[in-house]
Amino acid sequence: MEENSYHKTWKDQLHDIIYEADTPIGKIFDITLLILILLSIIFVMLESVKGLPIDTYRFLYYGEWVITIFFTFEYIARIISIKKPSRYIFSFYGLIDLLSTLPLYLSFFITGTSALLAVRALRLLRVFRILKISRYIGESNRLIRAIKDSGAKILVFLFAVLVLCIIMGTVMYLIEGEESGFKSIPISVYWCIVTMTTVGYGDIAPATPLGQLIAAMIMIVGYGIIAVPTGIVSAEYAAERKSKKVNLNTQVCANCHCSDHRDGAKFCYKCGEDLHNE
């Protein structure tokens, strides 16, 4: 009974190469993309350096075109290898892929010396390619979920810090006054935020002993405040690792473009599509 065996179409095979990082060829494809993304970012940074030999700029220019053409084919391949292309086109990564690929092509259509600066600014959008890297790092999804889960706690914490800054800024306004640069409550609150975050621009400074004492207390509190959001996210991340006993892979459904399926899963958990196209 050879009915159980199945033949994959070229679209299915293309989908496996592009979206399945758990397969050998999928890993090779992802590693190649990572290398090209990093090379592209290096090229963009080197292009901004003045005084390099002309041959170097020429090499960077042609090298960027090679990378851009590769990513153009990758973008097209991602669209044609799934059943619902709009899911990818309007997704976060789809928009990033488009934004990072278009600028070099737009330079053909924007001409004239007055538009040179605009073209150069558009080409800098290629830096968005670095955001493509997170797609190929499995732990990034877990970190993103931990940040989302701790979002409410962080917002409450930031609100408490803002309230504290308003109170302390008002107190400093009353103590120091305009003579020391605290000309209004908003400026005093600005000073408190700058001091609490340990930035300390030095444009405003307390002059009275009491004001300096309060400023010292605010600075000490600032060091403790910096660690709180990190602790919240770290706790959520640890809880995420403990709760996710089920091993998830990078398999992407060809129908609805959902990822994070369980190892050994035969059907998509969202739309029920056969993941193996049997």
Protein backbone atom coordinates (compact mmCIF):
# COMPACT_ATOMS: atom_id res chain seq x y z
CA MET A 1 0.00 0.00 0.00
CA GLU A 2 1.86 2.94 -1.28
CA GLU A 3 -1.15 5.17 -0.84
CA ASN A 4 0.33 6.50 2.39
CA SER A 5 3.26 7.96 0.51
CA TYR A 6 2.65 11.39 -0.94
CA HIS A 7 4.23 13.61 -3.51
CA LYS A 8 4.95 17.20 -2.64
CA THR A 9 4.44 19.88 -5.25
CA TRP A 10 7.20 22.38 -5.99
CA LYS A 11 5.33 24.93 -3.88
CA ASP A 12 5.31 22.52 -0.92
CA GLN A 13 9.01 21.89 -1.34
CA LEU A 14 9.68 25.63 -1.58
CA HIS A 15 7.60 26.15 1.57
CA ASP A 16 9.67 23.55 3.42
CA ILE A 17 12.92 25.25 2.42
CA ILE A 18 11.81 28.76 3.39
CA TYR A 19 9.64 28.20 6.44
CA GLU A 20 10.92 24.96 7.98
CA ALA A 21 14.09 25.70 9.92
CA ASP A 22 13.99 22.23 11.51
CA THR A 23 14.95 20.53 8.24
CA PRO A 24 18.59 20.36 7.06
CA ILE A 25 17.95 22.40 3.92
CA GLY A 26 15.82 24.82 5.93
CA LYS A 27 18.70 25.38 8.35
CA ILE A 28 21.09 26.02 5.47
CA PHE A 29 18.64 28.53 4.00
CA ASP A 30 18.23 30.35 7.33
CA ILE A 31 21.98 30.47 7.97
CA THR A 32 22.50 31.88 4.46
CA LEU A 33 19.89 34.57 5.15
CA LEU A 34 21.51 35.46 8.47
CA ILE A 35 24.90 35.88 6.81
CA LEU A 36 23.45 38.03 4.02
CA ILE A 37 21.51 40.20 6.48
CA LEU A 38 24.63 40.84 8.54
CA LEU A 39 26.67 41.55 5.41
CA SER A 40 24.02 44.00 4.24
CA ILE A 41 24.10 45.87 7.56
CA ILE A 42 27.91 46.03 7.41
CA PHE A 43 27.70 47.38 3.83
CA VAL A 44 25.24 50.10 4.90
CA MET A 45 27.50 51.19 7.76
CA LEU A 46 30.64 51.20 5.60
CA GLU A 47 28.90 53.28 2.92
CA SER A 48 28.48 56.07 5.47
CA VAL A 49 32.24 56.17 6.14
CA LYS A 50 33.97 58.91 4.15
CA GLY A 51 37.46 58.65 2.70
CA LEU A 52 37.42 55.00 1.64
CA PRO A 53 38.91 54.04 -1.74
CA ILE A 54 36.60 54.34 -4.76
CA ASP A 55 36.96 50.61 -5.43
CA THR A 56 35.61 49.89 -1.95
CA TYR A 57 32.47 51.95 -2.56
CA ARG A 58 32.02 50.24 -5.93
CA PHE A 59 32.34 46.82 -4.27
CA LEU A 60 29.81 47.80 -1.59
CA TYR A 61 27.40 49.05 -4.26
CA TYR A 62 27.51 45.88 -6.36
CA GLY A 63 27.50 43.69 -3.27
CA GLU A 64 24.35 45.41 -2.03
CA TRP A 65 22.69 44.84 -5.38
CA VAL A 66 23.48 41.13 -5.23
CA ILE A 67 22.00 40.92 -1.73
CA THR A 68 18.95 42.97 -2.70
CA ILE A 69 18.22 40.73 -5.70
CA PHE A 70 18.53 37.66 -3.47
CA PHE A 71 16.08 39.10 -0.94
CA THR A 72 13.74 40.08 -3.77
CA PHE A 73 13.55 36.47 -4.89
CA GLU A 74 13.13 35.41 -1.26
CA TYR A 75 10.22 37.83 -0.83
CA ILE A 76 8.51 36.55 -3.98
CA ALA A 77 9.14 32.93 -2.97
CA ARG A 78 7.55 33.50 0.44
CA ILE A 79 4.45 34.90 -1.25
CA ILE A 80 3.96 32.12 -3.80
CA SER A 81 4.73 29.26 -1.40
CA ILE A 82 1.73 29.87 0.89
CA LYS A 83 -1.98 29.58 0.13
CA LYS A 84 -2.93 32.95 1.59
CA PRO A 85 -0.19 35.42 0.55
CA SER A 86 -1.92 38.37 2.24
CA ARG A 87 -1.18 36.79 5.63
CA TYR A 88 2.52 37.21 4.94
CA ILE A 89 2.42 40.45 2.92
CA PHE A 90 0.64 42.39 5.68
CA SER A 91 2.39 40.69 8.58
CA PHE A 92 5.14 42.38 10.58
CA TYR A 93 7.93 40.45 8.90
CA GLY A 94 6.34 40.85 5.47
CA LEU A 95 6.33 44.64 5.81
CA ILE A 96 9.90 44.62 7.12
CA ASP A 97 11.02 42.49 4.17
CA LEU A 98 9.37 44.91 1.76
CA LEU A 99 10.75 48.04 3.45
CA SER A 100 14.27 46.66 3.48
CA THR A 101 14.19 45.64 -0.20
CA LEU A 102 12.46 48.57 -1.95
CA PRO A 103 14.88 51.48 -1.31
CA LEU A 104 17.53 50.38 -3.79
CA TYR A 105 14.92 49.98 -6.54
CA LEU A 106 13.40 53.38 -5.75
CA SER A 107 16.73 55.03 -6.59
CA PHE A 108 15.95 54.31 -10.27
CA PHE A 109 12.76 56.36 -10.17
CA ILE A 110 13.89 59.31 -8.04
CA THR A 111 16.23 61.40 -10.17
CA GLY A 112 17.69 64.87 -10.01
CA THR A 113 20.34 66.38 -7.80
CA SER A 114 17.77 67.78 -5.37
CA ALA A 115 16.48 64.29 -4.66
CA LEU A 116 19.84 62.69 -3.91
CA LEU A 117 19.46 63.19 -0.16
CA ALA A 118 15.99 61.63 -0.24
CA VAL A 119 17.31 58.59 -2.10
CA ARG A 120 20.13 58.20 0.38
CA ALA A 121 17.65 58.36 3.27
CA LEU A 122 15.47 55.71 1.62
CA ARG A 123 18.45 53.42 1.19
CA LEU A 124 19.08 53.62 4.93
CA LEU A 125 15.80 51.74 5.38
CA ARG A 126 17.81 48.65 4.49
CA VAL A 127 18.85 48.65 8.15
CA PHE A 128 15.39 47.16 8.79
CA ARG A 129 16.86 43.89 7.58
CA ILE A 130 18.37 43.44 11.00
CA LEU A 131 14.81 42.94 12.30
CA LYS A 132 14.55 39.87 10.09
CA ILE A 133 17.11 38.16 12.31
CA SER A 134 14.62 37.66 15.15
CA ARG A 135 12.58 35.42 12.86
CA TYR A 136 15.39 32.86 12.89
CA ILE A 137 16.16 32.94 16.61
CA GLY A 138 13.80 30.60 18.45
CA GLU A 139 14.31 32.15 21.88
CA SER A 140 13.20 35.56 20.60
CA ASN A 141 9.58 34.39 20.41
CA ARG A 142 9.70 33.32 24.04
CA LEU A 143 11.24 36.64 25.05
CA ILE A 144 8.56 38.58 23.12
CA ARG A 145 5.84 36.61 24.91
CA ALA A 146 7.48 37.32 28.28
CA ILE A 147 7.58 41.07 27.52
CA LYS A 148 3.91 41.01 26.45
CA ASP A 149 2.89 39.12 29.59
CA SER A 150 4.74 41.58 31.81
CA GLY A 151 3.46 44.64 29.92
CA ALA A 152 0.69 45.46 32.41
CA LYS A 153 3.06 45.22 35.39
CA ILE A 154 5.63 47.44 33.69
CA LEU A 155 2.96 50.04 32.84
CA VAL A 156 1.81 50.14 36.47
CA PHE A 157 5.43 50.48 37.58
CA LEU A 158 6.09 53.31 35.09
CA PHE A 159 2.93 55.09 36.24
CA ALA A 160 4.14 54.87 39.86
CA VAL A 161 7.53 56.28 38.82
CA LEU A 162 5.80 59.14 36.96
CA VAL A 163 3.71 59.96 40.03
CA LEU A 164 6.85 59.93 42.18
CA CYS A 165 8.63 62.25 39.73
CA ILE A 166 5.71 64.69 39.75
CA ILE A 167 5.66 64.76 43.56
CA MET A 168 9.43 65.12 43.94
CA GLY A 169 9.60 67.67 41.10
CA THR A 170 6.98 69.79 42.83
CA VAL A 171 8.87 69.53 46.13
CA MET A 172 12.11 70.62 44.45
CA TYR A 173 10.31 73.55 42.83
CA LEU A 174 9.15 74.70 46.26
CA ILE A 175 12.58 74.22 47.87
CA GLU A 176 14.90 75.54 45.15
CA GLY A 177 12.80 78.03 43.22
CA GLU A 178 13.71 79.95 40.09
CA GLU A 179 17.10 81.05 41.45
CA SER A 180 18.49 77.52 41.01
CA GLY A 181 16.93 76.96 37.58
CA PHE A 182 13.70 75.31 38.77
CA LYS A 183 11.57 77.88 36.94
CA SER A 184 8.37 75.83 36.81
CA ILE A 185 6.92 72.51 37.96
CA PRO A 186 7.27 70.90 34.48
CA ILE A 187 10.98 71.84 34.40
CA SER A 188 11.37 70.47 37.92
CA VAL A 189 9.68 67.23 36.91
CA TYR A 190 12.02 67.05 33.89
CA TRP A 191 14.99 67.44 36.25
CA CYS A 192 13.63 64.70 38.51
CA ILE A 193 13.21 62.26 35.59
CA VAL A 194 16.72 63.00 34.32
CA THR A 195 18.15 62.56 37.82
CA MET A 196 16.18 59.41 38.63
CA THR A 197 17.27 57.74 35.40
CA THR A 198 20.90 58.58 36.39
CA VAL A 199 21.41 60.53 33.14
CA GLY A 200 22.22 63.83 34.84
CA TYR A 201 22.65 66.41 32.07
CA GLY A 202 23.81 69.01 34.58
CA ASP A 203 21.75 71.83 33.08
CA ILE A 204 19.84 72.20 36.35
CA ALA A 205 21.28 71.49 39.81
CA PRO A 206 20.02 72.12 43.35
CA ALA A 207 21.89 74.74 45.37
CA THR A 208 20.42 74.39 48.86
CA PRO A 209 21.55 71.64 51.29
CA LEU A 210 18.00 70.27 51.57
CA GLY A 211 17.62 70.18 47.79
CA GLN A 212 20.96 68.39 47.42
CA LEU A 213 19.91 65.84 50.05
CA ILE A 214 16.65 65.13 48.18
CA ALA A 215 18.58 64.92 44.90
CA ALA A 216 20.93 62.34 46.43
CA MET A 217 17.95 60.29 47.60
CA ILE A 218 16.38 60.47 44.13
CA MET A 219 19.62 59.24 42.55
CA ILE A 220 19.85 56.29 44.94
CA VAL A 221 16.21 55.40 44.26
CA GLY A 222 16.99 55.64 40.54
CA TYR A 223 19.52 52.81 40.73
CA GLY A 224 16.92 50.56 42.33
CA ILE A 225 14.24 51.55 39.84
CA ILE A 226 16.40 50.53 36.87
CA ALA A 227 16.44 46.93 38.07
CA VAL A 228 12.66 46.58 38.53
CA PRO A 229 11.54 46.22 34.87
CA THR A 230 14.41 43.79 34.26
CA GLY A 231 13.28 41.69 37.21
CA ILE A 232 9.66 41.69 36.02
CA VAL A 233 10.58 40.52 32.51
CA SER A 234 13.07 37.98 33.88
CA ALA A 235 10.41 36.49 36.16
CA GLU A 236 7.94 36.23 33.27
CA TYR A 237 10.64 34.70 31.08
CA ALA A 238 11.45 32.08 33.72
CA ALA A 239 7.75 31.30 34.15
CA GLU A 240 7.43 31.01 30.36
CA ARG A 241 10.26 28.47 30.23
CA LYS A 242 8.72 26.40 33.02
CA SER A 243 5.22 26.44 31.57
CA LYS A 244 6.33 25.53 28.06
CA LYS A 245 7.16 21.90 28.66
CA VAL A 246 5.88 21.06 25.18
CA ASN A 247 8.56 21.37 22.53
CA LEU A 248 7.60 23.76 19.76
CA ASN A 249 9.21 23.98 16.33
CA THR A 250 9.44 26.57 13.60
CA GLN A 251 7.00 24.84 11.27
CA VAL A 252 4.77 27.37 9.48
CA CYS A 253 1.33 26.48 8.19
CA ALA A 254 1.09 26.96 4.43
CA ASN A 255 -2.56 27.97 4.76
CA CYS A 256 -2.80 30.47 7.65
CA HIS A 257 0.90 31.24 8.15
CA CYS A 258 0.81 30.38 11.87
CA SER A 259 3.97 29.05 13.52
CA ASP A 260 5.01 27.49 16.87
CA HIS A 261 3.51 24.05 16.28
CA ARG A 262 4.22 21.14 18.56
CA ASP A 263 6.84 18.62 17.57
CA GLY A 264 5.13 15.80 15.72
CA ALA A 265 1.95 17.79 15.10
CA LYS A 266 0.16 16.68 11.94
CA PHE A 267 -2.39 19.48 11.65
CA CYS A 268 -2.27 23.24 12.24
CA TYR A 269 -3.66 24.18 15.67
CA LYS A 270 -5.46 27.20 14.20
CA CYS A 271 -6.94 26.26 10.83
CA GLY A 272 -6.58 22.46 10.82
CA GLU A 273 -4.49 22.38 7.63
CA ASP A 274 -2.40 19.26 7.03
CA LEU A 275 1.12 20.36 7.95
CA HIS A 276 2.69 17.62 5.88
CA ASN A 277 0.49 18.12 2.82
CA GLU A 278 -0.44 14.48 2.70
